Amino acid sequence: MSVRLQVTQRKSPIGGTHSQRETLRSLGLKRIGDTVVKEDRPEIRGMIATVSHMVTVEEVE
């Protein structure tokens, strides 16, 4: 079974760069407290690394 990542937005993108705001939007996060579940792929890991200070990540099955 593939590993999935549960990504939750914890901080506001206000004050972040345009790229960071767009990355949050691409992940499907619109506001603080939003949670999405994504496949564990290199592209998603890179997006998470870009906004790592704004999100928390947990592995789920």
N, C-alpha and C. Protein backbone atom coordinates (compact mmCIF):
# COMPACT_ATOMS: atom_id res chain seq x y z
N MET A 1 0.85 -1.19 0.00
CA MET A 1 0.00 0.00 0.00
C MET A 1 0.89 1.24 0.00
N SER A 2 0.51 2.24 -0.77
CA SER A 2 1.34 3.43 -0.89
C SER A 2 1.16 4.36 0.31
N VAL A 3 2.23 5.05 0.63
CA VAL A 3 2.20 6.01 1.72
C VAL A 3 1.61 7.32 1.21
N ARG A 4 0.79 7.93 2.02
CA ARG A 4 0.20 9.22 1.67
C ARG A 4 0.60 10.22 2.74
N LEU A 5 0.59 11.47 2.38
CA LEU A 5 0.97 12.54 3.28
C LEU A 5 -0.24 13.41 3.60
N GLN A 6 -0.48 13.62 4.89
CA GLN A 6 -1.54 14.52 5.31
C GLN A 6 -0.87 15.86 5.62
N VAL A 7 -1.23 16.87 4.86
CA VAL A 7 -0.61 18.19 4.97
C VAL A 7 -1.65 19.17 5.53
N THR A 8 -1.29 19.85 6.62
CA THR A 8 -2.18 20.81 7.26
C THR A 8 -1.52 22.17 7.32
N GLN A 9 -2.24 23.19 6.88
CA GLN A 9 -1.70 24.56 6.93
C GLN A 9 -1.81 25.07 8.36
N ARG A 10 -0.69 25.55 8.91
CA ARG A 10 -0.64 26.04 10.28
C ARG A 10 -0.38 27.55 10.39
N LYS A 11 0.17 28.15 9.36
CA LYS A 11 0.46 29.59 9.40
C LYS A 11 -0.07 30.27 8.16
N SER A 12 -0.24 31.57 8.28
CA SER A 12 -0.74 32.38 7.17
C SER A 12 0.37 32.65 6.16
N PRO A 13 0.02 32.70 4.87
CA PRO A 13 1.02 33.03 3.85
C PRO A 13 1.30 34.53 3.77
N ILE A 14 0.62 35.34 4.57
CA ILE A 14 0.88 36.78 4.57
C ILE A 14 2.34 37.00 4.96
N GLY A 15 3.04 37.76 4.17
CA GLY A 15 4.45 38.00 4.43
C GLY A 15 5.35 37.02 3.70
N GLY A 16 4.77 35.96 3.16
CA GLY A 16 5.54 35.00 2.38
C GLY A 16 5.72 35.49 0.95
N THR A 17 6.56 34.81 0.22
CA THR A 17 6.78 35.20 -1.17
C THR A 17 5.60 34.77 -2.04
N HIS A 18 5.54 35.33 -3.23
CA HIS A 18 4.49 34.95 -4.18
C HIS A 18 4.56 33.44 -4.46
N SER A 19 5.77 32.93 -4.60
CA SER A 19 5.97 31.51 -4.88
C SER A 19 5.41 30.64 -3.75
N GLN A 20 5.62 31.04 -2.51
CA GLN A 20 5.10 30.28 -1.37
C GLN A 20 3.59 30.29 -1.35
N ARG A 21 2.98 31.44 -1.64
CA ARG A 21 1.51 31.52 -1.68
C ARG A 21 0.95 30.62 -2.78
N GLU A 22 1.60 30.64 -3.94
CA GLU A 22 1.15 29.81 -5.06
C GLU A 22 1.34 28.32 -4.75
N THR A 23 2.39 27.98 -4.04
CA THR A 23 2.64 26.58 -3.67
C THR A 23 1.54 26.08 -2.73
N LEU A 24 1.16 26.88 -1.75
CA LEU A 24 0.06 26.50 -0.86
C LEU A 24 -1.21 26.28 -1.66
N ARG A 25 -1.49 27.16 -2.59
CA ARG A 25 -2.69 27.04 -3.43
C ARG A 25 -2.63 25.77 -4.27
N SER A 26 -1.45 25.46 -4.80
CA SER A 26 -1.29 24.26 -5.62
C SER A 26 -1.48 22.98 -4.81
N LEU A 27 -1.13 23.05 -3.54
CA LEU A 27 -1.35 21.90 -2.66
C LEU A 27 -2.82 21.75 -2.29
N GLY A 28 -3.60 22.79 -2.53
CA GLY A 28 -5.03 22.76 -2.21
C GLY A 28 -5.35 23.36 -0.86
N LEU A 29 -4.42 24.12 -0.31
CA LEU A 29 -4.62 24.74 1.00
C LEU A 29 -5.00 26.21 0.82
N LYS A 30 -6.14 26.59 1.40
CA LYS A 30 -6.63 27.95 1.21
C LYS A 30 -6.61 28.77 2.49
N ARG A 31 -6.73 28.11 3.64
CA ARG A 31 -6.77 28.86 4.89
C ARG A 31 -6.16 28.03 6.02
N ILE A 32 -5.84 28.69 7.11
CA ILE A 32 -5.25 28.01 8.26
C ILE A 32 -6.22 26.94 8.74
N GLY A 33 -5.70 25.75 8.99
CA GLY A 33 -6.53 24.63 9.45
C GLY A 33 -6.95 23.69 8.34
N ASP A 34 -6.81 24.10 7.09
CA ASP A 34 -7.15 23.22 5.97
C ASP A 34 -6.20 22.03 5.94
N THR A 35 -6.74 20.86 5.61
CA THR A 35 -5.94 19.64 5.52
C THR A 35 -6.22 18.95 4.19
N VAL A 36 -5.16 18.47 3.55
CA VAL A 36 -5.28 17.68 2.33
C VAL A 36 -4.43 16.43 2.47
N VAL A 37 -4.81 15.39 1.74
CA VAL A 37 -4.03 14.16 1.71
C VAL A 37 -3.50 13.99 0.29
N LYS A 38 -2.19 13.86 0.17
CA LYS A 38 -1.53 13.76 -1.13
C LYS A 38 -0.68 12.50 -1.18
N GLU A 39 -0.46 11.99 -2.40
CA GLU A 39 0.46 10.87 -2.59
C GLU A 39 1.88 11.32 -2.25
N ASP A 40 2.67 10.40 -1.71
CA ASP A 40 4.06 10.71 -1.37
C ASP A 40 4.91 10.58 -2.63
N ARG A 41 5.10 11.71 -3.32
CA ARG A 41 5.88 11.75 -4.55
C ARG A 41 6.92 12.86 -4.43
N PRO A 42 7.99 12.79 -5.20
CA PRO A 42 9.04 13.81 -5.12
C PRO A 42 8.53 15.23 -5.37
N GLU A 43 7.58 15.39 -6.29
CA GLU A 43 7.05 16.72 -6.58
C GLU A 43 6.35 17.31 -5.37
N ILE A 44 5.56 16.47 -4.70
CA ILE A 44 4.83 16.92 -3.51
C ILE A 44 5.80 17.22 -2.38
N ARG A 45 6.83 16.39 -2.21
CA ARG A 45 7.84 16.63 -1.18
C ARG A 45 8.54 17.97 -1.42
N GLY A 46 8.81 18.30 -2.66
CA GLY A 46 9.44 19.57 -2.99
C GLY A 46 8.55 20.75 -2.66
N MET A 47 7.26 20.61 -2.95
CA MET A 47 6.31 21.67 -2.62
C MET A 47 6.23 21.87 -1.11
N ILE A 48 6.21 20.76 -0.38
CA ILE A 48 6.16 20.83 1.08
C ILE A 48 7.42 21.49 1.62
N ALA A 49 8.58 21.18 1.04
CA ALA A 49 9.84 21.78 1.48
C ALA A 49 9.81 23.30 1.30
N THR A 50 9.15 23.76 0.25
CA THR A 50 9.07 25.20 -0.03
C THR A 50 8.30 25.94 1.06
N VAL A 51 7.27 25.30 1.61
CA VAL A 51 6.41 25.94 2.62
C VAL A 51 6.46 25.20 3.95
N SER A 52 7.58 24.56 4.24
CA SER A 52 7.68 23.72 5.44
C SER A 52 7.42 24.48 6.74
N HIS A 53 7.70 25.78 6.75
CA HIS A 53 7.48 26.59 7.96
C HIS A 53 6.01 26.97 8.14
N MET A 54 5.17 26.68 7.14
CA MET A 54 3.75 27.03 7.22
C MET A 54 2.84 25.82 7.38
N VAL A 55 3.39 24.62 7.25
CA VAL A 55 2.56 23.42 7.27
C VAL A 55 3.12 22.37 8.23
N THR A 56 2.24 21.43 8.62
CA THR A 56 2.69 20.23 9.32
C THR A 56 2.36 19.05 8.42
N VAL A 57 3.18 18.01 8.50
CA VAL A 57 3.03 16.85 7.62
C VAL A 57 3.03 15.58 8.45
N GLU A 58 2.09 14.68 8.16
CA GLU A 58 2.03 13.37 8.81
C GLU A 58 1.87 12.31 7.73
N GLU A 59 2.48 11.16 7.94
CA GLU A 59 2.30 10.04 7.01
C GLU A 59 1.07 9.26 7.44
N VAL A 60 0.21 8.93 6.49
CA VAL A 60 -0.99 8.13 6.74
C VAL A 60 -1.05 7.02 5.70
N GLU A 61 -1.84 6.00 5.99
CA GLU A 61 -2.00 4.90 5.04
C GLU A 61 -3.42 4.86 4.51
